[in-house]
Amino acid sequence: MLCIGQTTYLYGLTLTFCDLKNSRG
């Protein structure tokens, strides 16, 4: 979903969520 641009939303939760989704494929 949204990864780039929403990095300052939760300052960590978003990054982790994005990484997890990206790692899974």
PDB file of N, CA and C in Angstrom:
ATOM      1  N   MET A   1       0.828  -1.191   0.000  1.00  0.00           N
ATOM      2  CA  MET A   1       0.000   0.000   0.000  1.00  0.00           C
ATOM      3  C   MET A   1       0.876   1.259   0.000  1.00  0.00           C
ATOM      4  N   LEU A   2       0.684   2.130   0.976  1.00  0.00           N
ATOM      5  CA  LEU A   2       1.480   3.359   1.032  1.00  0.00           C
ATOM      6  C   LEU A   2       2.697   3.168   1.917  1.00  0.00           C
ATOM      7  N   CYS A   3       3.853   3.317   1.310  1.00  0.00           N
ATOM      8  CA  CYS A   3       5.093   3.154   2.063  1.00  0.00           C
ATOM      9  C   CYS A   3       5.912   4.431   1.989  1.00  0.00           C
ATOM     10  N   ILE A   4       6.038   4.959   0.787  1.00  0.00           N
ATOM     11  CA  ILE A   4       6.818   6.176   0.588  1.00  0.00           C
ATOM     12  C   ILE A   4       5.917   7.393   0.776  1.00  0.00           C
ATOM     13  N   GLY A   5       6.232   8.233   1.738  1.00  0.00           N
ATOM     14  CA  GLY A   5       5.436   9.425   1.984  1.00  0.00           C
ATOM     15  C   GLY A   5       4.695   9.307   3.302  1.00  0.00           C
ATOM     16  N   GLN A   6       4.504   8.087   3.765  1.00  0.00           N
ATOM     17  CA  GLN A   6       3.814   7.897   5.040  1.00  0.00           C
ATOM     18  C   GLN A   6       4.794   7.403   6.102  1.00  0.00           C
ATOM     19  N   THR A   7       6.046   7.757   5.928  1.00  0.00           N
ATOM     20  CA  THR A   7       7.077   7.316   6.864  1.00  0.00           C
ATOM     21  C   THR A   7       7.068   8.154   8.127  1.00  0.00           C
ATOM     22  N   THR A   8       6.441   9.319   8.048  1.00  0.00           N
ATOM     23  CA  THR A   8       6.412  10.211   9.197  1.00  0.00           C
ATOM     24  C   THR A   8       5.085  10.086   9.939  1.00  0.00           C
ATOM     25  N   TYR A   9       4.235   9.192   9.446  1.00  0.00           N
ATOM     26  CA  TYR A   9       2.916   9.012  10.068  1.00  0.00           C
ATOM     27  C   TYR A   9       3.050   8.408  11.454  1.00  0.00           C
ATOM     28  N   LEU A  10       3.721   7.271  11.509  1.00  0.00           N
ATOM     29  CA  LEU A  10       3.910   6.614  12.803  1.00  0.00           C
ATOM     30  C   LEU A  10       5.385   6.536  13.163  1.00  0.00           C
ATOM     31  N   TYR A  11       6.229   7.017  12.227  1.00  0.00           N
ATOM     32  CA  TYR A  11       7.666   7.116  12.475  1.00  0.00           C
ATOM     33  C   TYR A  11       8.318   5.769  12.765  1.00  0.00           C
ATOM     34  N   GLY A  12       7.584   4.681  12.495  1.00  0.00           N
ATOM     35  CA  GLY A  12       8.178   3.371  12.775  1.00  0.00           C
ATOM     36  C   GLY A  12       7.209   2.257  12.415  1.00  0.00           C
ATOM     37  N   LEU A  13       5.980   2.415  12.872  1.00  0.00           N
ATOM     38  CA  LEU A  13       4.974   1.395  12.606  1.00  0.00           C
ATOM     39  C   LEU A  13       4.758   1.231  11.107  1.00  0.00           C
ATOM     40  N   THR A  14       4.731   2.352  10.416  1.00  0.00           N
ATOM     41  CA  THR A  14       4.523   2.318   8.965  1.00  0.00           C
ATOM     42  C   THR A  14       5.699   1.646   8.277  1.00  0.00           C
ATOM     43  N   LEU A  15       6.892   1.981   8.734  1.00  0.00           N
ATOM     44  CA  LEU A  15       8.094   1.418   8.126  1.00  0.00           C
ATOM     45  C   LEU A  15       8.143  -0.090   8.329  1.00  0.00           C
ATOM     46  N   THR A  16       7.779  -0.526   9.524  1.00  0.00           N
ATOM     47  CA  THR A  16       7.794  -1.943   9.835  1.00  0.00           C
ATOM     48  C   THR A  16       6.744  -2.666   9.014  1.00  0.00           C
ATOM     49  N   PHE A  17       5.579  -2.062   8.913  1.00  0.00           N
ATOM     50  CA  PHE A  17       4.485  -2.656   8.158  1.00  0.00           C
ATOM     51  C   PHE A  17       4.861  -2.801   6.689  1.00  0.00           C
ATOM     52  N   CYS A  18       5.485  -1.757   6.164  1.00  0.00           N
ATOM     53  CA  CYS A  18       5.902  -1.758   4.766  1.00  0.00           C
ATOM     54  C   CYS A  18       6.962  -2.825   4.536  1.00  0.00           C
ATOM     55  N   ASP A  19       7.915  -2.902   5.424  1.00  0.00           N
ATOM     56  CA  ASP A  19       8.992  -3.873   5.319  1.00  0.00           C
ATOM     57  C   ASP A  19       8.451  -5.296   5.389  1.00  0.00           C
ATOM     58  N   LEU A  20       7.502  -5.495   6.308  1.00  0.00           N
ATOM     59  CA  LEU A  20       6.912  -6.817   6.465  1.00  0.00           C
ATOM     60  C   LEU A  20       6.180  -7.236   5.200  1.00  0.00           C
ATOM     61  N   LYS A  21       5.414  -6.322   4.641  1.00  0.00           N
ATOM     62  CA  LYS A  21       4.656  -6.614   3.422  1.00  0.00           C
ATOM     63  C   LYS A  21       5.607  -6.833   2.249  1.00  0.00           C
ATOM     64  N   ASN A  22       6.666  -6.060   2.196  1.00  0.00           N
ATOM     65  CA  ASN A  22       7.638  -6.181   1.114  1.00  0.00           C
ATOM     66  C   ASN A  22       8.428  -7.484   1.231  1.00  0.00           C
ATOM     67  N   SER A  23       8.727  -7.878   2.450  1.00  0.00           N
ATOM     68  CA  SER A  23       9.471  -9.098   2.691  1.00  0.00           C
ATOM     69  C   SER A  23       8.648 -10.324   2.284  1.00  0.00           C
ATOM     70  N   ARG A  24       7.358 -10.223   2.539  1.00  0.00           N
ATOM     71  CA  ARG A  24       6.455 -11.321   2.203  1.00  0.00           C
ATOM     72  C   ARG A  24       6.251 -11.412   0.686  1.00  0.00           C
ATOM     73  N   GLY A  25       6.263 -10.258   0.061  1.00  0.00           N
ATOM     74  CA  GLY A  25       6.075 -10.245  -1.383  1.00  0.00           C
ATOM     75  C   GLY A  25       4.725  -9.688  -1.702  1.00  0.00           C
TER      76      GLY A  25
END
